[in-house]
PDB file of N, CA and C in Angstrom:
ATOM      1  N   MET A   1     -14.654   2.045  28.921  1.00  0.00           N
ATOM      2  CA  MET A   1     -14.501   0.756  28.273  1.00  0.00           C
ATOM      3  C   MET A   1     -14.358   0.918  26.755  1.00  0.00           C
ATOM      4  N   ASN A   2     -15.282   1.677  26.164  1.00  0.00           N
ATOM      5  CA  ASN A   2     -15.215   1.896  24.719  1.00  0.00           C
ATOM      6  C   ASN A   2     -13.944   2.633  24.332  1.00  0.00           C
ATOM      7  N   ARG A   3     -13.532   3.548  25.185  1.00  0.00           N
ATOM      8  CA  ARG A   3     -12.322   4.319  24.914  1.00  0.00           C
ATOM      9  C   ARG A   3     -11.092   3.409  24.909  1.00  0.00           C
ATOM     10  N   ALA A   4     -11.061   2.434  25.815  1.00  0.00           N
ATOM     11  CA  ALA A   4      -9.944   1.500  25.888  1.00  0.00           C
ATOM     12  C   ALA A   4      -9.885   0.623  24.630  1.00  0.00           C
ATOM     13  N   ILE A   5     -11.016   0.204  24.151  1.00  0.00           N
ATOM     14  CA  ILE A   5     -11.074  -0.630  22.937  1.00  0.00           C
ATOM     15  C   ILE A   5     -10.588   0.173  21.733  1.00  0.00           C
ATOM     16  N   VAL A   6     -11.024   1.407  21.624  1.00  0.00           N
ATOM     17  CA  VAL A   6     -10.598   2.265  20.514  1.00  0.00           C
ATOM     18  C   VAL A   6      -9.087   2.469  20.561  1.00  0.00           C
ATOM     19  N   CYS A   7      -8.538   2.695  21.745  1.00  0.00           N
ATOM     20  CA  CYS A   7      -7.090   2.879  21.885  1.00  0.00           C
ATOM     21  C   CYS A   7      -6.325   1.627  21.483  1.00  0.00           C
ATOM     22  N   LEU A   8      -6.822   0.467  21.879  1.00  0.00           N
ATOM     23  CA  LEU A   8      -6.170  -0.798  21.507  1.00  0.00           C
ATOM     24  C   LEU A   8      -6.217  -1.027  19.995  1.00  0.00           C
ATOM     25  N   LEU A   9      -7.339  -0.749  19.383  1.00  0.00           N
ATOM     26  CA  LEU A   9      -7.456  -0.905  17.935  1.00  0.00           C
ATOM     27  C   LEU A   9      -6.529   0.058  17.201  1.00  0.00           C
ATOM     28  N   ALA A  10      -6.463   1.288  17.670  1.00  0.00           N
ATOM     29  CA  ALA A  10      -5.582   2.276  17.043  1.00  0.00           C
ATOM     30  C   ALA A  10      -4.123   1.857  17.180  1.00  0.00           C
ATOM     31  N   ALA A  11      -3.739   1.363  18.341  1.00  0.00           N
ATOM     32  CA  ALA A  11      -2.367   0.910  18.560  1.00  0.00           C
ATOM     33  C   ALA A  11      -2.047  -0.270  17.646  1.00  0.00           C
ATOM     34  N   GLY A  12      -2.979  -1.181  17.495  1.00  0.00           N
ATOM     35  CA  GLY A  12      -2.779  -2.331  16.611  1.00  0.00           C
ATOM     36  C   GLY A  12      -2.589  -1.911  15.164  1.00  0.00           C
ATOM     37  N   LEU A  13      -3.361  -0.945  14.714  1.00  0.00           N
ATOM     38  CA  LEU A  13      -3.215  -0.439  13.350  1.00  0.00           C
ATOM     39  C   LEU A  13      -1.867   0.229  13.137  1.00  0.00           C
ATOM     40  N   LEU A  14      -1.425   0.982  14.102  1.00  0.00           N
ATOM     41  CA  LEU A  14      -0.123   1.644  13.993  1.00  0.00           C
ATOM     42  C   LEU A  14       1.014   0.633  13.931  1.00  0.00           C
ATOM     43  N   LEU A  15       0.905  -0.424  14.705  1.00  0.00           N
ATOM     44  CA  LEU A  15       1.967  -1.437  14.715  1.00  0.00           C
ATOM     45  C   LEU A  15       2.028  -2.211  13.407  1.00  0.00           C
ATOM     46  N   THR A  16       0.886  -2.511  12.807  1.00  0.00           N
ATOM     47  CA  THR A  16       0.885  -3.300  11.579  1.00  0.00           C
ATOM     48  C   THR A  16       1.103  -2.447  10.341  1.00  0.00           C
ATOM     49  N   ALA A  17       0.847  -1.154  10.402  1.00  0.00           N
ATOM     50  CA  ALA A  17       1.000  -0.287   9.228  1.00  0.00           C
ATOM     51  C   ALA A  17       2.452  -0.197   8.777  1.00  0.00           C
ATOM     52  N   GLY A  18       3.390  -0.244   9.700  1.00  0.00           N
ATOM     53  CA  GLY A  18       4.798  -0.122   9.344  1.00  0.00           C
ATOM     54  C   GLY A  18       5.501  -1.455   9.175  1.00  0.00           C
ATOM     55  N   THR A  19       4.756  -2.542   9.234  1.00  0.00           N
ATOM     56  CA  THR A  19       5.361  -3.862   9.128  1.00  0.00           C
ATOM     57  C   THR A  19       5.735  -4.147   7.682  1.00  0.00           C
ATOM     58  N   PRO A  20       7.005  -4.468   7.409  1.00  0.00           N
ATOM     59  CA  PRO A  20       7.406  -4.763   6.035  1.00  0.00           C
ATOM     60  C   PRO A  20       6.866  -6.114   5.573  1.00  0.00           C
ATOM     61  N   ALA A  21       6.734  -6.256   4.270  1.00  0.00           N
ATOM     62  CA  ALA A  21       6.288  -7.528   3.705  1.00  0.00           C
ATOM     63  C   ALA A  21       7.403  -8.553   3.838  1.00  0.00           C
ATOM     64  N   TRP A  22       7.030  -9.799   3.957  1.00  0.00           N
ATOM     65  CA  TRP A  22       8.016 -10.868   4.038  1.00  0.00           C
ATOM     66  C   TRP A  22       8.666 -11.072   2.689  1.00  0.00           C
ATOM     67  N   ALA A  23       9.946 -11.366   2.720  1.00  0.00           N
ATOM     68  CA  ALA A  23      10.670 -11.646   1.477  1.00  0.00           C
ATOM     69  C   ALA A  23      10.133 -12.942   0.871  1.00  0.00           C
ATOM     70  N   ARG A  24      10.168 -13.005  -0.421  1.00  0.00           N
ATOM     71  CA  ARG A  24       9.692 -14.184  -1.141  1.00  0.00           C
ATOM     72  C   ARG A  24      10.859 -14.808  -1.898  1.00  0.00           C
ATOM     73  N   ASP A  25      10.717 -16.075  -2.237  1.00  0.00           N
ATOM     74  CA  ASP A  25      11.713 -16.786  -3.036  1.00  0.00           C
ATOM     75  C   ASP A  25      11.083 -17.226  -4.341  1.00  0.00           C
ATOM     76  N   ALA A  26      11.894 -17.278  -5.378  1.00  0.00           N
ATOM     77  CA  ALA A  26      11.448 -17.792  -6.671  1.00  0.00           C
ATOM     78  C   ALA A  26      12.624 -18.504  -7.331  1.00  0.00           C
ATOM     79  N   LYS A  27      12.318 -19.571  -8.045  1.00  0.00           N
ATOM     80  CA  LYS A  27      13.346 -20.305  -8.776  1.00  0.00           C
ATOM     81  C   LYS A  27      12.993 -20.286 -10.254  1.00  0.00           C
ATOM     82  N   GLY A  28      14.020 -20.221 -11.076  1.00  0.00           N
ATOM     83  CA  GLY A  28      13.777 -20.238 -12.508  1.00  0.00           C
ATOM     84  C   GLY A  28      15.055 -20.199 -13.301  1.00  0.00           C
ATOM     85  N   LYS A  29      14.897 -20.374 -14.611  1.00  0.00           N
ATOM     86  CA  LYS A  29      16.027 -20.324 -15.533  1.00  0.00           C
ATOM     87  C   LYS A  29      16.066 -18.935 -16.152  1.00  0.00           C
ATOM     88  N   ILE A  30      17.258 -18.336 -16.169  1.00  0.00           N
ATOM     89  CA  ILE A  30      17.415 -16.983 -16.694  1.00  0.00           C
ATOM     90  C   ILE A  30      17.269 -16.985 -18.216  1.00  0.00           C
ATOM     91  N   LYS A  31      16.311 -16.192 -18.685  1.00  0.00           N
ATOM     92  CA  LYS A  31      16.079 -16.033 -20.122  1.00  0.00           C
ATOM     93  C   LYS A  31      16.894 -14.865 -20.661  1.00  0.00           C
ATOM     94  N   SER A  32      16.962 -13.778 -19.865  1.00  0.00           N
ATOM     95  CA  SER A  32      17.724 -12.605 -20.296  1.00  0.00           C
ATOM     96  C   SER A  32      18.166 -11.797 -19.084  1.00  0.00           C
ATOM     97  N   TYR A  33      19.217 -11.000 -19.314  1.00  0.00           N
ATOM     98  CA  TYR A  33      19.720 -10.106 -18.272  1.00  0.00           C
ATOM     99  C   TYR A  33      20.199  -8.827 -18.932  1.00  0.00           C
ATOM    100  N   ASP A  34      19.630  -7.703 -18.500  1.00  0.00           N
ATOM    101  CA  ASP A  34      20.022  -6.396 -19.021  1.00  0.00           C
ATOM    102  C   ASP A  34      20.906  -5.722 -17.969  1.00  0.00           C
ATOM    103  N   GLU A  35      22.194  -5.618 -18.250  1.00  0.00           N
ATOM    104  CA  GLU A  35      23.141  -5.045 -17.294  1.00  0.00           C
ATOM    105  C   GLU A  35      22.875  -3.569 -17.031  1.00  0.00           C
ATOM    106  N   THR A  36      22.336  -2.865 -17.992  1.00  0.00           N
ATOM    107  CA  THR A  36      22.068  -1.437 -17.833  1.00  0.00           C
ATOM    108  C   THR A  36      20.944  -1.195 -16.821  1.00  0.00           C
ATOM    109  N   THR A  37      19.844  -1.912 -16.985  1.00  0.00           N
ATOM    110  CA  THR A  37      18.694  -1.734 -16.091  1.00  0.00           C
ATOM    111  C   THR A  37      18.729  -2.680 -14.899  1.00  0.00           C
ATOM    112  N   GLN A  38      19.661  -3.641 -14.909  1.00  0.00           N
ATOM    113  CA  GLN A  38      19.791  -4.643 -13.845  1.00  0.00           C
ATOM    114  C   GLN A  38      18.548  -5.524 -13.731  1.00  0.00           C
ATOM    115  N   VAL A  39      17.889  -5.782 -14.861  1.00  0.00           N
ATOM    116  CA  VAL A  39      16.673  -6.597 -14.865  1.00  0.00           C
ATOM    117  C   VAL A  39      16.986  -7.991 -15.391  1.00  0.00           C
ATOM    118  N   VAL A  40      16.588  -8.990 -14.585  1.00  0.00           N
ATOM    119  CA  VAL A  40      16.696 -10.394 -14.974  1.00  0.00           C
ATOM    120  C   VAL A  40      15.294 -10.871 -15.323  1.00  0.00           C
ATOM    121  N   GLU A  41      15.185 -11.600 -16.432  1.00  0.00           N
ATOM    122  CA  GLU A  41      13.900 -12.178 -16.802  1.00  0.00           C
ATOM    123  C   GLU A  41      14.029 -13.687 -16.809  1.00  0.00           C
ATOM    124  N   PHE A  42      13.092 -14.357 -16.124  1.00  0.00           N
ATOM    125  CA  PHE A  42      13.053 -15.817 -16.132  1.00  0.00           C
ATOM    126  C   PHE A  42      12.312 -16.285 -17.388  1.00  0.00           C
ATOM    127  N   GLU A  43      12.451 -17.577 -17.694  1.00  0.00           N
ATOM    128  CA  GLU A  43      11.793 -18.136 -18.883  1.00  0.00           C
ATOM    129  C   GLU A  43      10.276 -18.001 -18.825  1.00  0.00           C
ATOM    130  N   ASP A  44       9.712 -17.906 -17.603  1.00  0.00           N
ATOM    131  CA  ASP A  44       8.254 -17.761 -17.496  1.00  0.00           C
ATOM    132  C   ASP A  44       7.790 -16.316 -17.703  1.00  0.00           C
ATOM    133  N   GLY A  45       8.754 -15.395 -17.964  1.00  0.00           N
ATOM    134  CA  GLY A  45       8.420 -14.002 -18.232  1.00  0.00           C
ATOM    135  C   GLY A  45       8.468 -13.096 -17.018  1.00  0.00           C
ATOM    136  N   THR A  46       8.636 -13.658 -15.830  1.00  0.00           N
ATOM    137  CA  THR A  46       8.715 -12.851 -14.616  1.00  0.00           C
ATOM    138  C   THR A  46      10.026 -12.076 -14.600  1.00  0.00           C
ATOM    139  N   GLN A  47       9.946 -10.803 -14.231  1.00  0.00           N
ATOM    140  CA  GLN A  47      11.139  -9.958 -14.202  1.00  0.00           C
ATOM    141  C   GLN A  47      11.495  -9.581 -12.767  1.00  0.00           C
ATOM    142  N   TYR A  48      12.800  -9.501 -12.521  1.00  0.00           N
ATOM    143  CA  TYR A  48      13.338  -9.163 -11.210  1.00  0.00           C
ATOM    144  C   TYR A  48      14.431  -8.113 -11.380  1.00  0.00           C
ATOM    145  N   VAL A  49      14.452  -7.128 -10.487  1.00  0.00           N
ATOM    146  CA  VAL A  49      15.463  -6.076 -10.527  1.00  0.00           C
ATOM    147  C   VAL A  49      16.547  -6.413  -9.496  1.00  0.00           C
ATOM    148  N   ILE A  50      17.787  -6.482  -9.946  1.00  0.00           N
ATOM    149  CA  ILE A  50      18.911  -6.783  -9.067  1.00  0.00           C
ATOM    150  C   ILE A  50      19.267  -5.511  -8.293  1.00  0.00           C
ATOM    151  N   THR A  51      19.298  -5.600  -6.965  1.00  0.00           N
ATOM    152  CA  THR A  51      19.618  -4.442  -6.134  1.00  0.00           C
ATOM    153  C   THR A  51      21.078  -4.490  -5.690  1.00  0.00           C
ATOM    154  N   ASP A  52      21.508  -3.439  -5.024  1.00  0.00           N
ATOM    155  CA  ASP A  52      22.872  -3.365  -4.504  1.00  0.00           C
ATOM    156  C   ASP A  52      23.142  -4.410  -3.429  1.00  0.00           C
ATOM    157  N   LYS A  53      22.092  -5.004  -2.871  1.00  0.00           N
ATOM    158  CA  LYS A  53      22.269  -6.030  -1.841  1.00  0.00           C
ATOM    159  C   LYS A  53      22.845  -7.326  -2.406  1.00  0.00           C
ATOM    160  N   VAL A  54      22.705  -7.521  -3.720  1.00  0.00           N
ATOM    161  CA  VAL A  54      23.282  -8.701  -4.372  1.00  0.00           C
ATOM    162  C   VAL A  54      24.765  -8.405  -4.568  1.00  0.00           C
ATOM    163  N   LYS A  55      25.594  -9.200  -3.909  1.00  0.00           N
ATOM    164  CA  LYS A  55      27.032  -8.906  -3.861  1.00  0.00           C
ATOM    165  C   LYS A  55      27.751  -9.102  -5.188  1.00  0.00           C
ATOM    166  N   THR A  56      27.324 -10.055  -5.974  1.00  0.00           N
ATOM    167  CA  THR A  56      28.006 -10.310  -7.245  1.00  0.00           C
ATOM    168  C   THR A  56      26.990 -10.594  -8.338  1.00  0.00           C
ATOM    169  N   THR A  57      27.300 -10.142  -9.526  1.00  0.00           N
ATOM    170  CA  THR A  57      26.427 -10.429 -10.662  1.00  0.00           C
ATOM    171  C   THR A  57      27.058 -11.479 -11.573  1.00  0.00           C
ATOM    172  N   GLU A  58      28.170 -12.073 -11.138  1.00  0.00           N
ATOM    173  CA  GLU A  58      28.831 -13.095 -11.956  1.00  0.00           C
ATOM    174  C   GLU A  58      27.961 -14.323 -12.169  1.00  0.00           C
ATOM    175  N   LYS A  59      27.066 -14.594 -11.225  1.00  0.00           N
ATOM    176  CA  LYS A  59      26.195 -15.765 -11.319  1.00  0.00           C
ATOM    177  C   LYS A  59      25.060 -15.555 -12.311  1.00  0.00           C
ATOM    178  N   ILE A  60      24.871 -14.330 -12.758  1.00  0.00           N
ATOM    179  CA  ILE A  60      23.753 -14.021 -13.643  1.00  0.00           C
ATOM    180  C   ILE A  60      24.164 -14.269 -15.084  1.00  0.00           C
ATOM    181  N   LYS A  61      23.813 -15.436 -15.564  1.00  0.00           N
ATOM    182  CA  LYS A  61      24.129 -15.817 -16.942  1.00  0.00           C
ATOM    183  C   LYS A  61      22.892 -16.463 -17.560  1.00  0.00           C
ATOM    184  N   VAL A  62      22.620 -16.120 -18.810  1.00  0.00           N
ATOM    185  CA  VAL A  62      21.483 -16.685 -19.525  1.00  0.00           C
ATOM    186  C   VAL A  62      21.605 -18.205 -19.532  1.00  0.00           C
ATOM    187  N   GLY A  63      20.501 -18.869 -19.208  1.00  0.00           N
ATOM    188  CA  GLY A  63      20.449 -20.327 -19.201  1.00  0.00           C
ATOM    189  C   GLY A  63      20.704 -20.952 -17.840  1.00  0.00           C
ATOM    190  N   LYS A  64      21.190 -20.172 -16.877  1.00  0.00           N
ATOM    191  CA  LYS A  64      21.459 -20.706 -15.537  1.00  0.00           C
ATOM    192  C   LYS A  64      20.172 -20.804 -14.727  1.00  0.00           C
ATOM    193  N   GLN A  65      20.114 -21.849 -13.922  1.00  0.00           N
ATOM    194  CA  GLN A  65      19.008 -22.042 -12.985  1.00  0.00           C
ATOM    195  C   GLN A  65      19.397 -21.346 -11.677  1.00  0.00           C
ATOM    196  N   VAL A  66      18.549 -20.421 -11.198  1.00  0.00           N
ATOM    197  CA  VAL A  66      18.862 -19.661  -9.999  1.00  0.00           C
ATOM    198  C   VAL A  66      17.656 -19.588  -9.064  1.00  0.00           C
ATOM    199  N   LYS A  67      17.961 -19.212  -7.828  1.00  0.00           N
ATOM    200  CA  LYS A  67      16.923 -18.911  -6.843  1.00  0.00           C
ATOM    201  C   LYS A  67      17.138 -17.468  -6.411  1.00  0.00           C
ATOM    202  N   VAL A  68      16.082 -16.674  -6.468  1.00  0.00           N
ATOM    203  CA  VAL A  68      16.167 -15.291  -6.027  1.00  0.00           C
ATOM    204  C   VAL A  68      15.297 -15.096  -4.788  1.00  0.00           C
ATOM    205  N   THR A  69      15.773 -14.254  -3.901  1.00  0.00           N
ATOM    206  CA  THR A  69      14.984 -13.787  -2.766  1.00  0.00           C
ATOM    207  C   THR A  69      14.679 -12.331  -3.075  1.00  0.00           C
ATOM    208  N   TYR A  70      13.407 -11.968  -2.975  1.00  0.00           N
ATOM    209  CA  TYR A  70      13.024 -10.620  -3.397  1.00  0.00           C
ATOM    210  C   TYR A  70      11.909 -10.046  -2.538  1.00  0.00           C
ATOM    211  N   ASP A  71      11.818  -8.737  -2.575  1.00  0.00           N
ATOM    212  CA  ASP A  71      10.725  -7.991  -1.948  1.00  0.00           C
ATOM    213  C   ASP A  71      10.001  -7.250  -3.056  1.00  0.00           C
ATOM    214  N   GLU A  72       8.698  -7.123  -2.931  1.00  0.00           N
ATOM    215  CA  GLU A  72       7.943  -6.344  -3.912  1.00  0.00           C
ATOM    216  C   GLU A  72       7.889  -4.901  -3.440  1.00  0.00           C
ATOM    217  N   GLN A  73       8.356  -3.985  -4.300  1.00  0.00           N
ATOM    218  CA  GLN A  73       8.341  -2.560  -3.990  1.00  0.00           C
ATOM    219  C   GLN A  73       7.839  -1.801  -5.207  1.00  0.00           C
ATOM    220  N   ASP A  74       6.801  -1.051  -5.015  1.00  0.00           N
ATOM    221  CA  ASP A  74       6.218  -0.257  -6.101  1.00  0.00           C
ATOM    222  C   ASP A  74       5.920  -1.106  -7.330  1.00  0.00           C
ATOM    223  N   GLY A  75       5.441  -2.323  -7.116  1.00  0.00           N
ATOM    224  CA  GLY A  75       5.066  -3.201  -8.209  1.00  0.00           C
ATOM    225  C   GLY A  75       6.229  -3.901  -8.896  1.00  0.00           C
ATOM    226  N   LYS A  76       7.456  -3.741  -8.363  1.00  0.00           N
ATOM    227  CA  LYS A  76       8.631  -4.380  -8.950  1.00  0.00           C
ATOM    228  C   LYS A  76       9.189  -5.407  -7.975  1.00  0.00           C
ATOM    229  N   ASN A  77       9.743  -6.491  -8.516  1.00  0.00           N
ATOM    230  CA  ASN A  77      10.365  -7.535  -7.713  1.00  0.00           C
ATOM    231  C   ASN A  77      11.842  -7.182  -7.527  1.00  0.00           C
ATOM    232  N   MET A  78      12.183  -6.701  -6.327  1.00  0.00           N
ATOM    233  CA  MET A  78      13.527  -6.224  -6.029  1.00  0.00           C
ATOM    234  C   MET A  78      14.341  -7.340  -5.366  1.00  0.00           C
ATOM    235  N   VAL A  79      15.355  -7.845  -6.068  1.00  0.00           N
ATOM    236  CA  VAL A  79      16.148  -8.985  -5.601  1.00  0.00           C
ATOM    237  C   VAL A  79      17.138  -8.541  -4.527  1.00  0.00           C
ATOM    238  N   THR A  80      17.110  -9.276  -3.408  1.00  0.00           N
ATOM    239  CA  THR A  80      18.041  -9.011  -2.309  1.00  0.00           C
ATOM    240  C   THR A  80      19.088 -10.099  -2.185  1.00  0.00           C
ATOM    241  N   ALA A  81      18.855 -11.261  -2.821  1.00  0.00           N
ATOM    242  CA  ALA A  81      19.831 -12.356  -2.804  1.00  0.00           C
ATOM    243  C   ALA A  81      19.610 -13.224  -4.036  1.00  0.00           C
ATOM    244  N   LEU A  82      20.708 -13.791  -4.544  1.00  0.00           N
ATOM    245  CA  LEU A  82      20.645 -14.647  -5.717  1.00  0.00           C
ATOM    246  C   LEU A  82      21.604 -15.810  -5.513  1.00  0.00           C
ATOM    247  N   GLU A  83      21.095 -17.034  -5.703  1.00  0.00           N
ATOM    248  CA  GLU A  83      21.909 -18.234  -5.554  1.00  0.00           C
ATOM    249  C   GLU A  83      21.783 -19.088  -6.803  1.00  0.00           C
ATOM    250  N   GLU A  84      22.889 -19.679  -7.191  1.00  0.00           N
ATOM    251  CA  GLU A  84      22.844 -20.615  -8.313  1.00  0.00           C
ATOM    252  C   GLU A  84      22.269 -21.935  -7.839  1.00  0.00           C
ATOM    253  N   GLU A  85      21.401 -22.531  -8.628  1.00  0.00           N
ATOM    254  CA  GLU A  85      20.750 -23.800  -8.308  1.00  0.00           C
ATOM    255  C   GLU A  85      21.307 -24.886  -9.219  1.00  0.00           C
ATOM    256  N   ALA A  86      21.265 -26.104  -8.741  1.00  0.00           N
ATOM    257  CA  ALA A  86      21.663 -27.238  -9.585  1.00  0.00           C
ATOM    258  C   ALA A  86      20.615 -27.396 -10.691  1.00  0.00           C
ATOM    259  N   PRO A  87      21.050 -27.712 -11.906  1.00  0.00           N
ATOM    260  CA  PRO A  87      20.086 -27.836 -13.017  1.00  0.00           C
ATOM    261  C   PRO A  87      19.148 -29.011 -12.850  1.00  0.00           C
TER     262      PRO A  87
END
């Protein structure tokens, strides 16, 4: 009985250990964009790194209101999608 419980707990830990974090969304106005580092900064100071998953960077303009979808990796907000929002 105890052995079965230990096996179930171990299996549960293995299944959840590899589970990726859910993507998050954030909205804000772009304060700055560094094309070299691919870092976008919102007016609130939050920074996001644009990844290769973002198909176009034409929407990234200072002063634009945008919505980003991102994953946190190694303490950085890695953008996987970017949409322009109505002001």
